[in-house]
N, C-alpha and C. Protein backbone atom coordinates (compact mmCIF):
# COMPACT_ATOMS: atom_id res chain seq x y z
N MET A 1 67.64 96.40 5.68
CA MET A 1 66.96 95.54 6.64
C MET A 1 65.51 95.37 6.23
N SER A 2 64.98 94.20 6.34
CA SER A 2 63.59 93.96 5.98
C SER A 2 62.67 94.61 6.99
N ARG A 3 61.43 94.78 6.56
CA ARG A 3 60.45 95.40 7.43
C ARG A 3 60.11 94.50 8.61
N ASP A 4 60.50 93.22 8.54
CA ASP A 4 60.26 92.32 9.66
C ASP A 4 61.40 92.35 10.67
N GLY A 5 62.49 93.04 10.36
CA GLY A 5 63.63 93.08 11.26
C GLY A 5 63.41 94.07 12.41
N LEU A 6 64.36 94.07 13.33
CA LEU A 6 64.29 94.99 14.45
C LEU A 6 64.54 96.41 13.99
N HIS A 7 63.92 97.36 14.65
CA HIS A 7 64.12 98.77 14.35
C HIS A 7 64.37 99.51 15.66
N ALA A 8 64.48 100.83 15.60
CA ALA A 8 64.85 101.60 16.78
C ALA A 8 63.84 101.44 17.91
N GLY A 9 62.55 101.39 17.58
CA GLY A 9 61.53 101.21 18.61
C GLY A 9 61.70 99.87 19.33
N ASP A 10 61.96 98.80 18.55
CA ASP A 10 62.20 97.49 19.15
C ASP A 10 63.44 97.51 20.04
N ALA A 11 64.47 98.22 19.58
CA ALA A 11 65.70 98.29 20.37
C ALA A 11 65.46 98.94 21.72
N LEU A 12 64.64 99.99 21.76
CA LEU A 12 64.30 100.62 23.03
C LEU A 12 63.54 99.65 23.93
N THR A 13 62.60 98.92 23.34
CA THR A 13 61.83 97.95 24.12
C THR A 13 62.74 96.89 24.71
N LEU A 14 63.62 96.33 23.89
CA LEU A 14 64.55 95.31 24.39
C LEU A 14 65.50 95.90 25.42
N GLY A 15 65.88 97.16 25.23
CA GLY A 15 66.73 97.82 26.21
C GLY A 15 66.08 97.90 27.57
N ARG A 16 64.76 98.09 27.57
CA ARG A 16 64.00 98.14 28.83
C ARG A 16 64.10 96.80 29.56
N LEU A 17 64.03 95.72 28.81
CA LEU A 17 64.19 94.40 29.42
C LEU A 17 65.60 94.20 29.97
N VAL A 18 66.58 94.67 29.21
CA VAL A 18 67.98 94.47 29.61
C VAL A 18 68.31 95.21 30.90
N VAL A 19 67.78 96.44 31.06
CA VAL A 19 68.14 97.23 32.25
C VAL A 19 67.28 96.92 33.46
N THR A 20 66.23 96.12 33.28
CA THR A 20 65.36 95.79 34.41
C THR A 20 66.13 95.18 35.58
N PRO A 21 67.00 94.17 35.37
CA PRO A 21 67.73 93.62 36.52
C PRO A 21 68.59 94.67 37.24
N LEU A 22 69.20 95.58 36.48
CA LEU A 22 70.02 96.63 37.09
C LEU A 22 69.15 97.55 37.93
N PHE A 23 67.99 97.94 37.38
CA PHE A 23 67.08 98.80 38.15
C PHE A 23 66.67 98.11 39.44
N VAL A 24 66.25 96.85 39.35
CA VAL A 24 65.78 96.14 40.54
C VAL A 24 66.89 96.04 41.58
N TRP A 25 68.11 95.79 41.14
CA TRP A 25 69.24 95.70 42.07
C TRP A 25 69.47 97.03 42.78
N LEU A 26 69.49 98.14 42.02
CA LEU A 26 69.67 99.46 42.62
C LEU A 26 68.51 99.81 43.55
N PHE A 27 67.30 99.52 43.11
CA PHE A 27 66.09 99.78 43.89
C PHE A 27 66.12 98.98 45.19
N TRP A 28 66.44 97.69 45.09
CA TRP A 28 66.50 96.80 46.25
C TRP A 28 67.54 97.29 47.26
N ARG A 29 68.73 97.63 46.78
CA ARG A 29 69.78 98.11 47.67
C ARG A 29 69.37 99.41 48.36
N ALA A 30 68.72 100.29 47.62
CA ALA A 30 68.27 101.56 48.21
C ALA A 30 67.23 101.33 49.30
N LEU A 31 66.33 100.39 49.08
CA LEU A 31 65.32 100.09 50.10
C LEU A 31 65.94 99.52 51.37
N HIS A 32 67.16 99.03 51.24
CA HIS A 32 67.88 98.49 52.40
C HIS A 32 68.99 99.43 52.88
N GLY A 33 68.89 100.70 52.51
CA GLY A 33 69.78 101.70 53.07
C GLY A 33 70.98 102.10 52.25
N ALA A 34 71.22 101.45 51.10
CA ALA A 34 72.37 101.83 50.27
C ALA A 34 72.08 103.15 49.54
N ALA A 35 73.14 103.83 49.17
CA ALA A 35 73.00 105.13 48.49
C ALA A 35 72.85 104.95 46.99
N THR A 36 71.90 104.13 46.61
CA THR A 36 71.68 103.86 45.18
C THR A 36 70.31 104.36 44.70
N GLY A 37 69.57 105.04 45.58
CA GLY A 37 68.21 105.45 45.24
C GLY A 37 68.13 106.37 44.05
N TRP A 38 69.02 107.37 43.98
CA TRP A 38 68.94 108.32 42.88
C TRP A 38 69.39 107.70 41.57
N LEU A 39 70.28 106.72 41.63
CA LEU A 39 70.62 105.98 40.41
C LEU A 39 69.41 105.20 39.92
N ALA A 40 68.69 104.60 40.86
CA ALA A 40 67.45 103.89 40.50
C ALA A 40 66.44 104.87 39.92
N GLY A 41 66.38 106.08 40.48
CA GLY A 41 65.45 107.09 39.97
C GLY A 41 65.77 107.50 38.55
N VAL A 42 67.05 107.70 38.26
CA VAL A 42 67.47 108.05 36.90
C VAL A 42 67.13 106.92 35.94
N LEU A 43 67.39 105.70 36.36
CA LEU A 43 67.10 104.55 35.50
C LEU A 43 65.60 104.39 35.29
N PHE A 44 64.80 104.65 36.35
CA PHE A 44 63.34 104.60 36.18
C PHE A 44 62.88 105.62 35.15
N ALA A 45 63.43 106.83 35.20
CA ALA A 45 63.06 107.86 34.22
C ALA A 45 63.41 107.42 32.81
N ALA A 46 64.56 106.77 32.65
CA ALA A 46 64.97 106.28 31.33
C ALA A 46 64.03 105.18 30.84
N VAL A 47 63.65 104.30 31.75
CA VAL A 47 62.72 103.22 31.39
C VAL A 47 61.37 103.80 30.98
N GLY A 48 60.86 104.75 31.75
CA GLY A 48 59.59 105.38 31.41
C GLY A 48 59.65 106.08 30.06
N ALA A 49 60.76 106.77 29.79
CA ALA A 49 60.92 107.45 28.50
C ALA A 49 60.95 106.44 27.36
N SER A 50 61.62 105.31 27.58
CA SER A 50 61.70 104.29 26.52
C SER A 50 60.32 103.73 26.21
N ASP A 51 59.47 103.62 27.25
CA ASP A 51 58.12 103.09 27.03
C ASP A 51 57.29 104.03 26.17
N TYR A 52 57.57 105.32 26.28
CA TYR A 52 56.86 106.29 25.45
C TYR A 52 57.45 106.34 24.03
N PHE A 53 58.76 106.40 23.95
CA PHE A 53 59.39 106.64 22.64
C PHE A 53 59.46 105.41 21.76
N ASP A 54 59.40 104.18 22.33
CA ASP A 54 59.47 103.02 21.45
C ASP A 54 58.28 102.97 20.50
N GLY A 55 57.09 103.24 21.02
CA GLY A 55 55.91 103.26 20.16
C GLY A 55 55.93 104.42 19.18
N LEU A 56 56.39 105.58 19.65
CA LEU A 56 56.47 106.76 18.78
C LEU A 56 57.41 106.51 17.61
N LEU A 57 58.56 105.93 17.89
CA LEU A 57 59.52 105.62 16.82
C LEU A 57 58.95 104.60 15.85
N ALA A 58 58.25 103.59 16.39
CA ALA A 58 57.67 102.57 15.52
C ALA A 58 56.62 103.17 14.60
N ARG A 59 55.78 104.05 15.14
CA ARG A 59 54.73 104.66 14.33
C ARG A 59 55.32 105.58 13.26
N ARG A 60 56.30 106.38 13.65
CA ARG A 60 56.90 107.31 12.69
C ARG A 60 57.61 106.58 11.56
N ALA A 61 58.15 105.41 11.86
CA ALA A 61 58.83 104.62 10.84
C ALA A 61 57.87 103.73 10.06
N GLY A 62 56.58 103.76 10.43
CA GLY A 62 55.60 102.88 9.79
C GLY A 62 55.86 101.42 10.11
N ARG A 63 56.41 101.16 11.30
CA ARG A 63 56.80 99.80 11.65
C ARG A 63 56.00 99.25 12.83
N ALA A 64 54.91 99.92 13.24
CA ALA A 64 54.08 99.41 14.33
C ALA A 64 53.54 98.04 13.94
N SER A 65 53.57 97.09 14.87
CA SER A 65 53.17 95.72 14.53
C SER A 65 52.67 94.98 15.75
N ALA A 66 52.05 93.83 15.48
CA ALA A 66 51.60 92.94 16.56
C ALA A 66 52.81 92.48 17.38
N ARG A 67 53.90 92.15 16.70
CA ARG A 67 55.10 91.71 17.40
C ARG A 67 55.62 92.80 18.34
N GLY A 68 55.62 94.05 17.86
CA GLY A 68 56.09 95.16 18.68
C GLY A 68 55.24 95.34 19.92
N ARG A 69 53.92 95.19 19.78
CA ARG A 69 53.03 95.34 20.93
C ARG A 69 53.27 94.23 21.95
N VAL A 70 53.50 93.02 21.47
CA VAL A 70 53.79 91.91 22.38
C VAL A 70 55.09 92.18 23.14
N MET A 71 56.13 92.59 22.40
CA MET A 71 57.41 92.90 23.04
C MET A 71 57.25 94.00 24.08
N ASP A 72 56.48 95.03 23.73
CA ASP A 72 56.26 96.15 24.63
C ASP A 72 55.53 95.70 25.89
N GLY A 73 54.49 94.88 25.71
CA GLY A 73 53.72 94.39 26.85
C GLY A 73 54.56 93.53 27.78
N VAL A 74 55.36 92.66 27.20
CA VAL A 74 56.23 91.79 28.01
C VAL A 74 57.25 92.63 28.77
N ALA A 75 57.88 93.59 28.09
CA ALA A 75 58.87 94.44 28.75
C ALA A 75 58.25 95.22 29.90
N ASP A 76 57.04 95.73 29.67
CA ASP A 76 56.35 96.49 30.72
C ASP A 76 56.05 95.62 31.94
N VAL A 77 55.43 94.47 31.72
CA VAL A 77 55.00 93.65 32.86
C VAL A 77 56.19 93.07 33.61
N VAL A 78 57.26 92.72 32.89
CA VAL A 78 58.46 92.21 33.56
C VAL A 78 59.06 93.30 34.45
N PHE A 79 59.16 94.52 33.93
CA PHE A 79 59.71 95.62 34.72
C PHE A 79 58.85 95.91 35.95
N ILE A 80 57.55 96.06 35.73
CA ILE A 80 56.63 96.41 36.83
C ILE A 80 56.61 95.32 37.89
N LEU A 81 56.44 94.08 37.48
CA LEU A 81 56.35 92.99 38.46
C LEU A 81 57.67 92.78 39.19
N ALA A 82 58.79 92.88 38.49
CA ALA A 82 60.09 92.71 39.15
C ALA A 82 60.29 93.77 40.22
N ALA A 83 59.95 95.02 39.90
CA ALA A 83 60.11 96.10 40.88
C ALA A 83 59.17 95.91 42.06
N LEU A 84 57.92 95.55 41.80
CA LEU A 84 56.96 95.42 42.88
C LEU A 84 57.23 94.19 43.75
N ILE A 85 57.71 93.11 43.15
CA ILE A 85 58.07 91.94 43.95
C ILE A 85 59.24 92.29 44.86
N ALA A 86 60.19 93.07 44.35
CA ALA A 86 61.30 93.52 45.21
C ALA A 86 60.76 94.36 46.36
N ALA A 87 59.77 95.21 46.08
CA ALA A 87 59.17 96.03 47.14
C ALA A 87 58.45 95.16 48.16
N VAL A 88 57.80 94.11 47.70
CA VAL A 88 57.10 93.18 48.62
C VAL A 88 58.11 92.50 49.54
N VAL A 89 59.16 91.96 48.95
CA VAL A 89 60.18 91.25 49.74
C VAL A 89 60.85 92.20 50.74
N ALA A 90 60.98 93.47 50.36
CA ALA A 90 61.59 94.46 51.25
C ALA A 90 60.61 94.99 52.29
N GLY A 91 59.36 94.53 52.23
CA GLY A 91 58.36 94.96 53.20
C GLY A 91 57.75 96.31 52.92
N ARG A 92 57.86 96.78 51.68
CA ARG A 92 57.32 98.10 51.31
C ARG A 92 55.99 98.02 50.58
N ALA A 93 55.53 96.83 50.24
CA ALA A 93 54.25 96.65 49.55
C ALA A 93 53.68 95.28 49.92
N ALA A 94 52.37 95.14 49.76
CA ALA A 94 51.71 93.87 50.06
C ALA A 94 51.77 92.95 48.84
N TRP A 95 51.74 91.65 49.08
CA TRP A 95 51.88 90.66 48.00
C TRP A 95 50.78 90.79 46.95
N TRP A 96 49.59 91.24 47.39
CA TRP A 96 48.47 91.28 46.45
C TRP A 96 48.58 92.43 45.44
N VAL A 97 49.54 93.32 45.63
CA VAL A 97 49.74 94.40 44.65
C VAL A 97 50.27 93.82 43.33
N PRO A 98 51.44 93.16 43.32
CA PRO A 98 51.87 92.55 42.06
C PRO A 98 50.96 91.41 41.61
N ALA A 99 50.34 90.70 42.57
CA ALA A 99 49.43 89.60 42.18
C ALA A 99 48.25 90.13 41.38
N SER A 100 47.70 91.28 41.78
CA SER A 100 46.57 91.87 41.04
C SER A 100 46.98 92.24 39.62
N ILE A 101 48.17 92.81 39.49
CA ILE A 101 48.66 93.21 38.16
C ILE A 101 48.90 91.97 37.30
N ALA A 102 49.49 90.94 37.88
CA ALA A 102 49.75 89.71 37.13
C ALA A 102 48.45 89.08 36.66
N ALA A 103 47.42 89.08 37.52
CA ALA A 103 46.13 88.50 37.14
C ALA A 103 45.50 89.28 35.99
N SER A 104 45.54 90.60 36.07
CA SER A 104 44.96 91.43 35.01
C SER A 104 45.70 91.25 33.70
N PHE A 105 47.03 91.22 33.76
CA PHE A 105 47.81 91.03 32.53
C PHE A 105 47.56 89.63 31.95
N GLY A 106 47.49 88.63 32.82
CA GLY A 106 47.22 87.27 32.36
C GLY A 106 45.89 87.18 31.63
N TYR A 107 44.86 87.84 32.18
CA TYR A 107 43.56 87.78 31.51
C TYR A 107 43.59 88.56 30.20
N TYR A 108 44.34 89.65 30.16
CA TYR A 108 44.53 90.42 28.93
C TYR A 108 45.10 89.54 27.83
N VAL A 109 46.11 88.76 28.15
CA VAL A 109 46.74 87.87 27.17
C VAL A 109 45.76 86.78 26.73
N ILE A 110 45.11 86.13 27.70
CA ILE A 110 44.18 85.04 27.38
C ILE A 110 43.01 85.54 26.53
N ASP A 111 42.44 86.68 26.92
CA ASP A 111 41.30 87.23 26.18
C ASP A 111 41.70 87.60 24.76
N SER A 112 42.87 88.20 24.61
CA SER A 112 43.35 88.56 23.27
C SER A 112 43.57 87.31 22.43
N TRP A 113 44.11 86.28 23.06
CA TRP A 113 44.36 85.02 22.36
C TRP A 113 43.05 84.42 21.84
N VAL A 114 42.02 84.45 22.68
CA VAL A 114 40.72 83.90 22.30
C VAL A 114 40.10 84.72 21.17
N LEU A 115 40.15 86.04 21.30
CA LEU A 115 39.51 86.91 20.31
C LEU A 115 40.17 86.86 18.94
N THR A 116 41.44 86.52 18.90
CA THR A 116 42.16 86.49 17.61
C THR A 116 42.46 85.07 17.15
N ARG A 117 41.78 84.08 17.73
CA ARG A 117 42.10 82.68 17.42
C ARG A 117 41.83 82.32 15.97
N HIS A 118 40.93 83.02 15.28
CA HIS A 118 40.62 82.70 13.89
C HIS A 118 41.41 83.56 12.90
N GLU A 119 42.28 84.41 13.41
CA GLU A 119 43.05 85.29 12.54
C GLU A 119 44.36 84.64 12.13
N ALA A 120 44.93 85.12 11.05
CA ALA A 120 46.18 84.54 10.55
C ALA A 120 47.32 84.72 11.55
N ARG A 121 47.33 85.86 12.24
CA ARG A 121 48.36 86.12 13.24
C ARG A 121 47.69 86.58 14.53
N ARG A 122 48.01 85.90 15.63
CA ARG A 122 47.46 86.30 16.93
C ARG A 122 48.00 87.68 17.30
N SER A 123 47.18 88.43 18.01
CA SER A 123 47.61 89.76 18.43
C SER A 123 47.02 90.09 19.80
N LEU A 124 47.58 91.11 20.42
CA LEU A 124 47.06 91.60 21.69
C LEU A 124 46.08 92.73 21.42
N ILE A 125 44.98 92.73 22.15
CA ILE A 125 43.94 93.74 21.97
C ILE A 125 43.86 94.55 23.26
N THR A 126 44.23 95.80 23.16
CA THR A 126 44.25 96.65 24.34
C THR A 126 42.86 97.23 24.62
N SER A 127 42.69 97.77 25.81
CA SER A 127 41.47 98.50 26.16
C SER A 127 41.87 99.77 26.88
N ARG A 128 40.97 100.74 26.89
CA ARG A 128 41.28 102.00 27.55
C ARG A 128 41.52 101.82 29.04
N VAL A 129 40.70 100.97 29.66
CA VAL A 129 40.86 100.73 31.10
C VAL A 129 42.19 100.04 31.37
N GLY A 130 42.53 99.07 30.53
CA GLY A 130 43.81 98.38 30.69
C GLY A 130 44.99 99.31 30.49
N HIS A 131 44.88 100.20 29.50
CA HIS A 131 45.96 101.15 29.26
C HIS A 131 46.11 102.09 30.46
N PHE A 132 44.98 102.55 30.99
CA PHE A 132 45.01 103.40 32.17
C PHE A 132 45.69 102.68 33.33
N GLY A 133 45.35 101.38 33.51
CA GLY A 133 45.97 100.60 34.56
C GLY A 133 47.47 100.48 34.37
N GLY A 134 47.90 100.31 33.13
CA GLY A 134 49.33 100.22 32.85
C GLY A 134 50.07 101.49 33.22
N VAL A 135 49.46 102.64 32.92
CA VAL A 135 50.06 103.92 33.30
C VAL A 135 50.14 104.03 34.82
N CYS A 136 49.06 103.64 35.49
CA CYS A 136 49.04 103.69 36.96
C CYS A 136 50.11 102.78 37.56
N ASN A 137 50.35 101.63 36.94
CA ASN A 137 51.39 100.73 37.44
C ASN A 137 52.76 101.40 37.39
N TYR A 138 53.05 102.08 36.28
CA TYR A 138 54.32 102.80 36.17
C TYR A 138 54.41 103.91 37.22
N VAL A 139 53.30 104.62 37.41
CA VAL A 139 53.28 105.69 38.41
C VAL A 139 53.58 105.12 39.79
N LEU A 140 52.99 103.97 40.12
CA LEU A 140 53.21 103.35 41.42
C LEU A 140 54.68 103.01 41.63
N VAL A 141 55.30 102.41 40.63
CA VAL A 141 56.73 102.08 40.74
C VAL A 141 57.55 103.37 40.86
N GLY A 142 57.17 104.40 40.12
CA GLY A 142 57.86 105.67 40.23
C GLY A 142 57.75 106.27 41.62
N VAL A 143 56.55 106.22 42.20
CA VAL A 143 56.35 106.73 43.55
C VAL A 143 57.21 105.95 44.54
N LEU A 144 57.21 104.63 44.43
CA LEU A 144 58.04 103.82 45.32
C LEU A 144 59.52 104.14 45.15
N THR A 145 59.92 104.37 43.91
CA THR A 145 61.33 104.67 43.64
C THR A 145 61.75 105.98 44.30
N PHE A 146 60.99 107.04 44.05
CA PHE A 146 61.40 108.35 44.55
C PHE A 146 61.01 108.57 46.02
N ASN A 147 59.85 108.06 46.41
CA ASN A 147 59.41 108.25 47.79
C ASN A 147 60.20 107.40 48.77
N ASP A 148 60.39 106.12 48.43
CA ASP A 148 61.03 105.19 49.36
C ASP A 148 62.52 104.99 49.07
N ALA A 149 62.85 104.64 47.82
CA ALA A 149 64.25 104.34 47.50
C ALA A 149 65.12 105.59 47.54
N CYS A 150 64.60 106.71 47.03
CA CYS A 150 65.38 107.95 47.05
C CYS A 150 65.28 108.68 48.39
N GLY A 151 64.37 108.25 49.24
CA GLY A 151 64.26 108.82 50.57
C GLY A 151 63.53 110.14 50.66
N ILE A 152 62.76 110.51 49.63
CA ILE A 152 62.00 111.76 49.69
C ILE A 152 60.92 111.69 50.76
N GLU A 153 60.21 110.57 50.81
CA GLU A 153 59.18 110.29 51.82
C GLU A 153 58.15 111.40 51.92
N ALA A 154 57.72 111.89 50.75
CA ALA A 154 56.67 112.91 50.71
C ALA A 154 55.31 112.31 51.02
N LEU A 155 55.14 111.03 50.69
CA LEU A 155 53.87 110.35 50.96
C LEU A 155 54.05 109.42 52.15
N GLY A 156 53.21 109.61 53.15
CA GLY A 156 53.26 108.77 54.33
C GLY A 156 52.58 107.44 54.11
N PRO A 157 52.57 106.58 55.13
CA PRO A 157 51.97 105.25 55.00
C PRO A 157 50.50 105.27 54.59
N GLY A 158 49.74 106.26 55.05
CA GLY A 158 48.32 106.33 54.71
C GLY A 158 48.09 106.56 53.22
N LEU A 159 48.83 107.51 52.64
CA LEU A 159 48.69 107.79 51.21
C LEU A 159 49.23 106.64 50.37
N MET A 160 50.30 106.02 50.83
CA MET A 160 50.83 104.87 50.10
C MET A 160 49.82 103.73 50.11
N ALA A 161 49.14 103.54 51.24
CA ALA A 161 48.12 102.49 51.33
C ALA A 161 46.99 102.73 50.32
N ILE A 162 46.61 104.00 50.15
CA ILE A 162 45.56 104.32 49.17
C ILE A 162 46.02 103.92 47.77
N LEU A 163 47.27 104.23 47.45
CA LEU A 163 47.80 103.85 46.13
C LEU A 163 47.80 102.34 45.96
N PHE A 164 48.20 101.62 47.00
CA PHE A 164 48.23 100.15 46.92
C PHE A 164 46.83 99.57 46.75
N TYR A 165 45.86 100.09 47.52
CA TYR A 165 44.49 99.56 47.43
C TYR A 165 43.83 99.89 46.09
N ALA A 166 44.34 100.92 45.40
CA ALA A 166 43.78 101.24 44.08
C ALA A 166 44.14 100.19 43.05
N VAL A 167 45.27 99.49 43.26
CA VAL A 167 45.75 98.54 42.25
C VAL A 167 44.75 97.42 41.96
N PRO A 168 44.25 96.68 42.98
CA PRO A 168 43.27 95.64 42.65
C PRO A 168 41.97 96.20 42.09
N VAL A 169 41.66 97.45 42.41
CA VAL A 169 40.43 98.06 41.89
C VAL A 169 40.53 98.27 40.39
N TYR A 170 41.59 98.95 39.93
CA TYR A 170 41.68 99.18 38.48
C TYR A 170 42.08 97.92 37.73
N SER A 171 42.78 96.99 38.38
CA SER A 171 43.10 95.72 37.73
C SER A 171 41.83 94.90 37.50
N ALA A 172 40.97 94.87 38.51
CA ALA A 172 39.69 94.16 38.37
C ALA A 172 38.80 94.85 37.35
N ALA A 173 38.82 96.20 37.32
CA ALA A 173 38.01 96.93 36.35
C ALA A 173 38.42 96.59 34.93
N ALA A 174 39.73 96.40 34.69
CA ALA A 174 40.19 96.03 33.35
C ALA A 174 39.66 94.66 32.95
N ILE A 175 39.63 93.73 33.90
CA ILE A 175 39.10 92.40 33.62
C ILE A 175 37.61 92.45 33.37
N VAL A 176 36.87 93.16 34.23
CA VAL A 176 35.42 93.26 34.09
C VAL A 176 35.04 93.91 32.78
N THR A 177 35.79 94.93 32.37
CA THR A 177 35.52 95.60 31.09
C THR A 177 35.61 94.60 29.94
N ARG A 178 36.61 93.74 29.99
CA ARG A 178 36.75 92.72 28.94
C ARG A 178 35.62 91.69 29.01
N LEU A 179 35.27 91.28 30.21
CA LEU A 179 34.22 90.27 30.36
C LEU A 179 32.86 90.76 29.89
N THR A 180 32.60 92.05 30.06
CA THR A 180 31.28 92.60 29.74
C THR A 180 31.20 93.25 28.37
N SER A 181 32.32 93.35 27.64
CA SER A 181 32.29 93.98 26.33
C SER A 181 31.81 92.98 25.29
N PRO A 182 31.11 93.47 24.24
CA PRO A 182 30.70 92.58 23.16
C PRO A 182 31.92 91.93 22.52
N ARG A 183 31.91 90.64 22.40
CA ARG A 183 33.07 89.92 21.86
C ARG A 183 33.37 90.35 20.44
N GLY A 184 34.60 90.81 20.23
CA GLY A 184 35.05 91.17 18.89
C GLY A 184 34.53 92.50 18.40
N ASN A 185 33.76 93.23 19.25
CA ASN A 185 33.22 94.50 18.80
C ASN A 185 33.28 95.52 19.92
N ASP A 186 34.38 95.56 20.63
CA ASP A 186 34.55 96.46 21.76
C ASP A 186 35.12 97.78 21.25
N PRO A 187 34.34 98.88 21.34
CA PRO A 187 34.83 100.16 20.83
C PRO A 187 36.01 100.71 21.63
N THR A 188 36.26 100.18 22.81
CA THR A 188 37.39 100.66 23.60
C THR A 188 38.63 99.82 23.36
N SER A 189 38.55 98.84 22.46
CA SER A 189 39.68 97.96 22.21
C SER A 189 40.45 98.40 20.97
N GLN A 190 41.69 97.97 20.92
CA GLN A 190 42.51 98.27 19.76
C GLN A 190 43.42 97.09 19.47
N ARG A 191 43.40 96.66 18.24
CA ARG A 191 44.21 95.50 17.88
C ARG A 191 45.66 95.90 17.73
N ALA A 192 46.50 94.92 18.00
CA ALA A 192 47.94 95.19 18.00
C ALA A 192 48.47 95.53 16.62
N ASN A 193 47.79 95.08 15.55
CA ASN A 193 48.34 95.37 14.22
C ASN A 193 47.86 96.73 13.70
N GLU A 194 47.10 97.47 14.49
CA GLU A 194 46.79 98.83 14.13
C GLU A 194 48.00 99.70 14.48
N PRO A 195 48.16 100.83 13.80
CA PRO A 195 49.40 101.59 13.94
C PRO A 195 49.51 102.39 15.23
N THR A 196 49.53 101.70 16.37
CA THR A 196 49.76 102.38 17.64
C THR A 196 50.98 101.83 18.34
N ARG A 197 51.52 100.74 17.94
CA ARG A 197 52.74 100.09 18.41
C ARG A 197 52.53 98.60 18.40
């Protein structure tokens, strides 16, 4: 197989996209009283593991690439937004939670596109704040999965509200960090073609 072909890391990333509809269906049914919460929890754990191991496999194989980072970013945002939109429709989250994430991700893509417009291949440029936000997004979906869908209910409405209100804060911080960083010379940024995925 050529070095431009799919590898194990890419397969995990694509697998995350494939199982997203199943997760959302199980999650949605659990939020409406069906006994599917723990299945959703197991699938969430598998999705989270795939997000970690796809990059690790790509780096170990020397196959980290701009394409892989784009695939990873798309798989992440599709999973996160699909789950959170389901939570909104089920009355478990406010509409501005996924909207904040979508706005931050949209600006991430646009800013990366602008910064790499003179390069031979466009790439995504990550930032530490954006990466932190991405981790927090996964944590939020995990909390909703186990707290609400699985019925653990360890966090009450007050603590859940704090988690929800944190989303626009760190999403806005990711945008502001990009707006205020020196163009093309941000020490907190990393280009997609560097060997991180």
